[in-house]
Amino acid sequence: MNSPTLDAPLGRSRLVVWYAIFAAISIGANLGSQKFAFWLYQGAFAVPLSVCIGTGVGLVVKYLLDKAWIFRYPHRSVAHGIQTFAMYVAMGLGTTLVFWVVEFGADAIFHTEPARLMGGAIGLVLGYFAKYHLDKRFVFA
């Protein structure tokens, strides 16, 4: 499979494939940084702290990939770039809530790190499906 280029728009099937690949990369960055943060600190608030760190890392990775490769969105200025990122974060609040509910729900039910991370992966997949449509309509329009 050829990698996308900035000068050619993606067809629908290629868009789905690349979006899924980038979502998988972002999920890996999120869950990997959660695991690393949890390994570094296992104190009183280790799980919520690791989830917040993972969410932040995953957010930045996904934003950079989506902006450049999925939506091919140029910024007119630094201020426009900041505004776009802020809108991206705002559109992600609801989808992040879905992700967190599924992840913390799996943790509450099964009480194991693998179950929590699997819940996180499932929540991220559900959230990314909705997020694509929000980003297309409101962020990178």
Foldseek 3Di string as FASTA:
>chain_A
DDAADLVDADDPVRLVVQLVVLLVVLLCQLLVQLVVQCVVDVDDCSNVVSNVRSVVRSLVSSVVCCCCGNLSADAPDVVSVVVLSVQLVVLLPVLVVQLQCQLVVQCVVPVDPVSSSVSNSVSSVVSSVSSVVVCVPPRSD
